[in-house]
Amino acid sequence: MTIGSQVKQSLANMKAIHATLQELALTSTNEEAQRAFHEAMLQTEQMIAALKGRIATLEREEPQYKGM
């Protein structure tokens, strides 16, 4: 597995984690848990943005990773 495909797989995993945290935040009845899930969800959004930036850099610097 190439670095490009590993980073893209990490992005897909992080998006799945984000969706799960979002669902938990919406369905939890405990206000403290809702807040914790929401904060974790916001952190995953930052990680998703960072991974997207890394993918863009990889694709720009290493054309063989583009579109993988």
C-alpha atoms as a PDB file:
ATOM      1  CA  MET A   1       0.000   0.000   0.000  1.00  0.00           C
ATOM      2  CA  THR A   2       1.421   3.381  -0.989  1.00  0.00           C
ATOM      3  CA  ILE A   3       1.595   6.426   1.240  1.00  0.00           C
ATOM      4  CA  GLY A   4      -1.057   8.103  -0.910  1.00  0.00           C
ATOM      5  CA  SER A   5      -3.498   5.244  -0.513  1.00  0.00           C
ATOM      6  CA  GLN A   6      -2.778   5.041   3.231  1.00  0.00           C
ATOM      7  CA  VAL A   7      -3.551   8.726   3.697  1.00  0.00           C
ATOM      8  CA  LYS A   8      -6.731   8.387   1.646  1.00  0.00           C
ATOM      9  CA  GLN A   9      -7.771   5.355   3.695  1.00  0.00           C
ATOM     10  CA  SER A  10      -7.119   7.367   6.853  1.00  0.00           C
ATOM     11  CA  LEU A  11      -9.369  10.116   5.499  1.00  0.00           C
ATOM     12  CA  ALA A  12     -12.161   7.626   4.817  1.00  0.00           C
ATOM     13  CA  ASN A  13     -11.787   6.185   8.326  1.00  0.00           C
ATOM     14  CA  MET A  14     -11.845   9.651   9.885  1.00  0.00           C
ATOM     15  CA  LYS A  15     -15.021  10.527   7.961  1.00  0.00           C
ATOM     16  CA  ALA A  16     -16.655   7.355   9.313  1.00  0.00           C
ATOM     17  CA  ILE A  17     -15.579   8.227  12.850  1.00  0.00           C
ATOM     18  CA  HIS A  18     -16.959  11.741  12.380  1.00  0.00           C
ATOM     19  CA  ALA A  19     -20.317  10.375  11.237  1.00  0.00           C
ATOM     20  CA  THR A  20     -20.485   8.017  14.213  1.00  0.00           C
ATOM     21  CA  LEU A  21     -19.680  10.804  16.666  1.00  0.00           C
ATOM     22  CA  GLN A  22     -22.293  13.013  15.032  1.00  0.00           C
ATOM     23  CA  GLU A  23     -24.916  10.298  15.376  1.00  0.00           C
ATOM     24  CA  LEU A  24     -23.970   9.701  19.013  1.00  0.00           C
ATOM     25  CA  ALA A  25     -24.151  13.426  19.763  1.00  0.00           C
ATOM     26  CA  LEU A  26     -27.641  13.600  18.282  1.00  0.00           C
ATOM     27  CA  THR A  27     -29.032  10.477  19.921  1.00  0.00           C
ATOM     28  CA  SER A  28     -27.462  10.679  23.366  1.00  0.00           C
ATOM     29  CA  THR A  29     -29.842  11.657  26.159  1.00  0.00           C
ATOM     30  CA  ASN A  30     -27.047  12.667  28.534  1.00  0.00           C
ATOM     31  CA  GLU A  31     -26.168  16.334  28.061  1.00  0.00           C
ATOM     32  CA  GLU A  32     -22.559  15.856  29.173  1.00  0.00           C
ATOM     33  CA  ALA A  33     -22.133  12.958  26.734  1.00  0.00           C
ATOM     34  CA  GLN A  34     -23.681  15.028  23.943  1.00  0.00           C
ATOM     35  CA  ARG A  35     -21.174  17.790  24.610  1.00  0.00           C
ATOM     36  CA  ALA A  36     -18.244  15.339  24.676  1.00  0.00           C
ATOM     37  CA  PHE A  37     -19.325  13.700  21.407  1.00  0.00           C
ATOM     38  CA  HIS A  38     -19.789  17.112  19.802  1.00  0.00           C
ATOM     39  CA  GLU A  39     -16.323  18.276  20.884  1.00  0.00           C
ATOM     40  CA  ALA A  40     -14.769  15.070  19.569  1.00  0.00           C
ATOM     41  CA  MET A  41     -16.683  15.555  16.320  1.00  0.00           C
ATOM     42  CA  LEU A  42     -15.221  19.059  15.968  1.00  0.00           C
ATOM     43  CA  GLN A  43     -11.740  17.664  16.477  1.00  0.00           C
ATOM     44  CA  THR A  44     -12.308  15.103  13.736  1.00  0.00           C
ATOM     45  CA  GLU A  45     -13.324  17.942  11.409  1.00  0.00           C
ATOM     46  CA  GLN A  46      -9.897  19.504  11.958  1.00  0.00           C
ATOM     47  CA  MET A  47      -8.215  16.167  11.271  1.00  0.00           C
ATOM     48  CA  ILE A  48     -10.270  15.689   8.111  1.00  0.00           C
ATOM     49  CA  ALA A  49      -9.216  19.120   6.876  1.00  0.00           C
ATOM     50  CA  ALA A  50      -5.562  18.336   7.626  1.00  0.00           C
ATOM     51  CA  LEU A  51      -5.760  15.003   5.788  1.00  0.00           C
ATOM     52  CA  LYS A  52      -7.404  16.665   2.772  1.00  0.00           C
ATOM     53  CA  GLY A  53      -4.572  19.186   2.739  1.00  0.00           C
ATOM     54  CA  ARG A  54      -1.996  16.408   2.920  1.00  0.00           C
ATOM     55  CA  ILE A  55      -3.670  14.577   0.034  1.00  0.00           C
ATOM     56  CA  ALA A  56      -3.629  17.755  -2.051  1.00  0.00           C
ATOM     57  CA  THR A  57       0.087  18.180  -1.306  1.00  0.00           C
ATOM     58  CA  LEU A  58       0.828  14.560  -2.172  1.00  0.00           C
ATOM     59  CA  GLU A  59      -1.067  14.809  -5.453  1.00  0.00           C
ATOM     60  CA  ARG A  60       0.679  18.048  -6.362  1.00  0.00           C
ATOM     61  CA  GLU A  61       4.177  16.828  -5.460  1.00  0.00           C
ATOM     62  CA  GLU A  62       3.771  13.202  -6.499  1.00  0.00           C
ATOM     63  CA  PRO A  63       1.569  13.001  -9.627  1.00  0.00           C
ATOM     64  CA  GLN A  64       1.394   9.196  -9.413  1.00  0.00           C
ATOM     65  CA  TYR A  65      -0.868   9.556  -6.333  1.00  0.00           C
ATOM     66  CA  LYS A  66      -3.407  11.724  -8.144  1.00  0.00           C
ATOM     67  CA  GLY A  67      -6.839  10.122  -8.419  1.00  0.00           C
ATOM     68  CA  MET A  68      -5.951   7.012  -6.442  1.00  0.00           C
END
